[in-house]
Protein backbone atom coordinates (compact mmCIF):
# COMPACT_ATOMS: atom_id res chain seq x y z
CA UNK A 1 60.44 86.79 73.00
CA UNK A 2 58.75 83.06 74.19
CA UNK A 3 61.53 81.14 72.92
CA UNK A 4 64.55 83.42 74.64
CA UNK A 5 62.29 83.20 77.93
CA UNK A 6 62.28 79.19 77.22
CA UNK A 7 65.94 78.88 76.74
CA UNK A 8 66.77 80.86 80.43
CA UNK A 9 64.42 78.43 82.71
CA UNK A 10 65.24 75.58 80.83
CA UNK A 11 68.61 75.92 81.06
CA UNK A 12 68.72 75.99 84.84
CA UNK A 13 72.20 74.62 86.35
CA UNK A 14 69.68 72.98 89.24
CA UNK A 15 67.42 71.72 86.74
CA UNK A 16 70.15 70.30 85.01
CA UNK A 17 71.97 68.71 87.58
CA UNK A 18 69.13 67.02 88.83
CA UNK A 19 68.21 65.73 85.44
CA UNK A 20 71.76 64.15 85.09
CA UNK A 21 71.52 62.73 88.25
CA UNK A 22 68.18 61.02 87.69
CA UNK A 23 69.60 59.63 84.40
CA UNK A 24 72.74 57.88 86.23
CA UNK A 25 71.14 56.76 89.13
CA UNK A 26 67.65 55.13 87.25
CA UNK A 27 67.34 51.34 87.48
CA UNK A 28 64.14 51.36 84.89
CA UNK A 29 65.23 50.99 81.20
CA UNK A 30 61.46 51.32 80.30
CA UNK A 31 61.61 54.99 81.56
CA UNK A 32 61.86 57.46 78.21
CA UNK A 33 60.13 60.38 79.37
CA UNK A 34 62.93 62.06 81.00
CA UNK A 35 66.18 63.26 79.58
CA UNK A 36 64.47 64.18 76.21
CA UNK A 37 67.09 66.75 75.25
CA UNK A 38 71.04 66.62 74.85
CA UNK A 39 72.04 67.82 78.29
CA UNK A 40 74.99 70.23 77.12
CA UNK A 41 72.24 72.34 76.08
CA UNK A 42 71.49 73.41 79.66
CA UNK A 43 74.70 74.53 81.01
CA UNK A 44 76.27 77.55 82.15
CA UNK A 45 73.38 79.99 81.24
CA UNK A 46 73.11 83.22 83.41
CA UNK A 47 70.77 84.08 85.82
CA UNK A 48 68.98 86.92 83.66
CA UNK A 49 65.26 86.69 84.15
CA UNK A 50 63.26 86.24 87.63
CA UNK A 51 61.20 83.35 88.55
CA UNK A 52 58.23 85.07 88.04
CA UNK A 53 59.03 85.22 84.83
CA UNK A 54 60.44 81.79 83.92
CA UNK A 55 57.34 80.60 85.60
CA UNK A 56 55.09 82.42 83.57
CA UNK A 57 56.52 80.98 80.34
CA UNK A 58 56.59 77.51 81.84
CA UNK A 59 52.92 77.58 82.45
CA UNK A 60 52.66 78.61 78.84
CA UNK A 61 54.73 76.02 77.57
CA UNK A 62 52.53 73.40 79.09
CA UNK A 63 50.17 74.07 76.13
CA UNK A 64 53.05 74.14 73.61
CA UNK A 65 52.76 71.73 71.04
CA UNK A 66 55.81 70.02 70.90
CA UNK A 67 55.85 67.12 73.81
CA UNK A 68 59.28 67.59 74.48
CA UNK A 69 58.91 71.42 75.25
CA UNK A 70 55.78 70.37 77.61
CA UNK A 71 57.79 67.92 79.51
CA UNK A 72 60.78 70.11 79.92
CA UNK A 73 58.29 72.75 81.38
CA UNK A 74 57.11 70.42 83.69
CA UNK A 75 60.32 69.17 84.84
CA UNK A 76 61.00 72.75 85.53
CA UNK A 77 57.90 73.00 87.80
CA UNK A 78 59.43 70.40 89.97
CA UNK A 79 61.20 73.39 91.43
CA UNK A 80 58.60 75.32 92.16
CA UNK A 81 56.48 75.77 95.01
CA UNK A 82 53.70 72.91 95.57
CA UNK A 83 50.81 74.83 95.95
CA UNK A 84 51.42 76.38 92.46
CA UNK A 85 52.85 73.24 90.97
CA UNK A 86 50.63 70.43 91.57
CA UNK A 87 47.18 71.98 90.71
CA UNK A 88 49.25 72.76 87.19
CA UNK A 89 50.60 69.18 87.34
CA UNK A 90 47.27 67.74 87.54
CA UNK A 91 45.84 69.60 84.80
CA UNK A 92 48.94 68.41 82.66
CA UNK A 93 47.57 64.47 83.07
CA UNK A 94 45.22 64.95 80.67
CA UNK A 95 47.23 65.82 77.85
CA UNK A 96 47.09 63.22 74.74
CA UNK A 97 50.91 62.32 74.78
CA UNK A 98 51.44 59.66 76.95
CA UNK A 99 54.73 60.51 77.67
CA UNK A 100 54.00 63.89 78.80
CA UNK A 101 51.22 61.97 81.55
CA UNK A 102 53.82 59.75 82.58
CA UNK A 103 56.61 62.91 83.58
CA UNK A 104 53.45 64.72 85.21
CA UNK A 105 53.26 61.72 87.39
CA UNK A 106 56.67 61.37 88.05
CA UNK A 107 57.23 64.84 88.97
CA UNK A 108 53.96 64.96 91.08
CA UNK A 109 55.14 62.23 93.17
CA UNK A 110 58.53 64.26 93.88
CA UNK A 111 56.37 66.45 95.91
CA UNK A 112 55.51 63.65 98.31
CA UNK A 113 51.94 65.50 99.12
CA UNK A 114 49.06 63.14 99.89
CA UNK A 115 46.98 64.55 97.71
CA UNK A 116 48.54 62.51 95.13
CA UNK A 117 47.42 59.23 95.94
CA UNK A 118 43.93 59.29 94.39
CA UNK A 119 45.51 60.09 90.90
CA UNK A 120 48.27 57.72 91.20
CA UNK A 121 45.52 55.01 91.77
CA UNK A 122 43.32 56.61 88.80
CA UNK A 123 46.28 56.24 86.28
CA UNK A 124 46.93 52.38 86.93
CA UNK A 125 44.13 52.03 84.16
CA UNK A 126 45.29 54.46 81.74
CA UNK A 127 46.25 53.11 78.24
CA UNK A 128 49.68 53.47 78.35
CA UNK A 129 52.57 51.20 80.10
CA UNK A 130 54.78 54.12 80.57
CA UNK A 131 51.81 55.70 82.73
CA UNK A 132 50.95 52.66 84.53
CA UNK A 133 54.55 52.24 85.48
CA UNK A 134 54.62 55.71 86.79
CA UNK A 135 51.50 55.69 88.74
CA UNK A 136 52.57 51.79 90.35
CA UNK A 137 56.03 53.17 91.22
CA UNK A 138 54.43 56.25 93.16
CA UNK A 139 51.99 53.73 94.71
CA UNK A 140 54.75 51.68 96.47
CA UNK A 141 57.04 55.31 97.06
CA UNK A 142 54.14 56.48 99.09
CA UNK A 143 54.12 53.05 100.79
CA UNK A 144 50.19 53.29 100.15
CA UNK A 145 47.94 50.00 100.67
CA UNK A 146 47.70 48.60 97.29
CA UNK A 147 44.65 46.75 96.80
CA UNK A 148 45.44 43.12 95.91
CA UNK A 149 42.44 43.02 93.31
CA UNK A 150 43.83 46.04 91.63
CA UNK A 151 47.51 44.02 91.42
CA UNK A 152 46.05 40.94 90.28
CA UNK A 153 44.50 42.59 86.86
CA UNK A 154 47.73 43.98 86.37
CA UNK A 155 49.19 40.43 85.94
CA UNK A 156 47.20 39.86 82.76
CA UNK A 157 48.29 43.33 81.35
CA UNK A 158 49.06 43.54 77.82
CA UNK A 159 52.47 45.13 78.20
CA UNK A 160 55.54 42.76 79.67
CA UNK A 161 57.04 45.80 81.20
CA UNK A 162 53.89 46.65 83.50
CA UNK A 163 53.62 43.03 84.51
CA UNK A 164 57.65 43.15 85.33
CA UNK A 165 57.52 46.34 87.30
CA UNK A 166 54.79 44.77 89.52
CA UNK A 167 56.93 41.80 89.92
CA UNK A 168 60.17 44.10 90.94
CA UNK A 169 57.87 46.11 93.02
CA UNK A 170 56.34 43.58 95.00
CA UNK A 171 59.83 42.84 95.97
CA UNK A 172 60.14 45.85 98.04
CA UNK A 173 57.18 45.16 100.17
CA UNK A 174 56.07 43.05 103.23
CA UNK A 175 52.74 43.24 101.78
CA UNK A 176 50.31 40.26 103.05
CA UNK A 177 49.07 37.99 99.97
CA UNK A 178 52.09 38.55 97.76
CA UNK A 179 53.69 34.99 97.75
CA UNK A 180 50.99 33.24 95.53
CA UNK A 181 50.82 36.39 93.26
CA UNK A 182 54.58 36.34 92.80
CA UNK A 183 54.58 32.51 92.26
CA UNK A 184 51.85 32.94 89.56
CA UNK A 185 54.17 35.44 88.03
CA UNK A 186 57.14 33.11 87.76
CA UNK A 187 55.02 31.24 85.09
CA UNK A 188 54.70 34.53 83.01
CA UNK A 189 55.13 33.87 79.25
CA UNK A 190 58.05 36.61 79.20
CA UNK A 191 61.12 35.49 80.50
CA UNK A 192 62.20 39.62 82.30
CA UNK A 193 58.76 39.02 84.02
CA UNK A 194 59.83 35.43 85.19
CA UNK A 195 63.18 36.68 86.37
CA UNK A 196 61.65 39.61 88.02
CA UNK A 197 59.22 37.79 89.95
CA UNK A 198 62.09 35.13 90.89
CA UNK A 199 64.17 37.49 92.19
CA UNK A 200 61.37 38.97 94.61
CA UNK A 201 60.83 35.51 95.89
CA UNK A 202 64.12 35.04 96.65
CA UNK A 203 64.69 38.35 98.33
CA UNK A 204 61.34 37.82 100.52
CA UNK A 205 60.68 34.02 100.61
CA UNK A 206 64.21 32.54 100.08
CA UNK A 207 63.65 29.02 101.50
CA UNK A 208 60.66 28.70 99.99
CA UNK A 209 61.63 30.21 96.29
CA UNK A 210 64.27 27.46 95.93
CA UNK A 211 61.92 24.78 93.98
CA UNK A 212 61.06 27.67 92.09
CA UNK A 213 64.74 27.94 91.13
CA UNK A 214 65.44 24.67 90.60
CA UNK A 215 62.41 24.33 87.86
CA UNK A 216 64.22 27.55 86.27
CA UNK A 217 66.90 25.96 85.79
CA UNK A 218 65.49 24.67 82.85
CA UNK A 219 63.09 27.22 81.58
CA UNK A 220 63.14 27.89 77.80
CA UNK A 221 65.37 31.06 78.40
CA UNK A 222 69.02 30.64 78.51
CA UNK A 223 69.77 33.83 80.59
CA UNK A 224 67.34 32.97 83.26
CA UNK A 225 68.77 29.18 83.54
CA UNK A 226 71.92 30.66 84.00
CA UNK A 227 70.83 33.44 86.38
CA UNK A 228 68.81 30.65 88.67
CA UNK A 229 71.64 28.15 88.70
CA UNK A 230 74.01 30.90 89.74
CA UNK A 231 71.37 31.82 92.77
CA UNK A 232 70.99 28.29 93.70
CA UNK A 233 75.10 27.73 93.72
CA UNK A 234 75.11 30.93 96.28
CA UNK A 235 72.28 30.04 98.64
CA UNK A 236 74.05 26.19 98.82
CA UNK A 237 77.09 28.06 100.10
CA UNK A 238 75.19 29.98 102.89
CA UNK A 239 74.09 28.93 105.98
CA UNK A 240 70.38 28.04 106.11
CA UNK A 241 67.77 31.13 106.95
CA UNK A 242 64.36 31.52 107.44
CA UNK A 243 62.09 33.12 105.21
CA UNK A 244 62.31 37.21 106.12
CA UNK A 245 58.60 37.61 105.49
CA UNK A 246 55.21 35.17 107.07
CA UNK A 247 53.92 32.93 104.09
CA UNK A 248 50.59 33.50 103.54
CA UNK A 249 48.01 31.11 103.82
CA UNK A 250 47.80 28.97 100.42
CA UNK A 251 43.47 28.98 101.26
């Protein structure tokens, strides 16, 4: 009977619509916690059981031995009332599977509840890069003031995905003190991190980043060299602009 209920709530048309939208709009290739089952599985299901029955089954499935089922139950909770869903999702954050923890964080963020902010800070120190990335994204989406000391610690994170995400997200903010961090990240051993840092630098500090782009034209990575050359060529064809962000003191 449990499997029958599970198929009903997991085949919710609204849940599938949101999942497909997230998949098509995502710009983070490292995200793997969503869309764990084929989308065709969830279409055209009759509304047979009550929301209370489906919620009860979802709660049960949060303890299912298969992490894919736990993830799907978490995604279903995104459609529930926040007063019900948030406490359940916070409990799931202790799950041993990092993909489940990452999905729980992503789902919590969607409620835009301030109570989630302290939780996000905690999971910036998680052992898995997927969880750290989910927490980082949440911090920036909440416009939460990040301690630069935390970001500096992440610059030496063993995962290049985490470092790249930091460099990318910094390009979305006008946070004071970002410039020297991005300059340092533009020298990262990983070419993906270097490119992300340079992209953020050109976004926030278009004039100050020109010398960095020139340096990137002799980078060891051919794709990065090509990208830097293209950016510089476009820059030369545009009128000179002042930096969009105040350049912090180098002291």
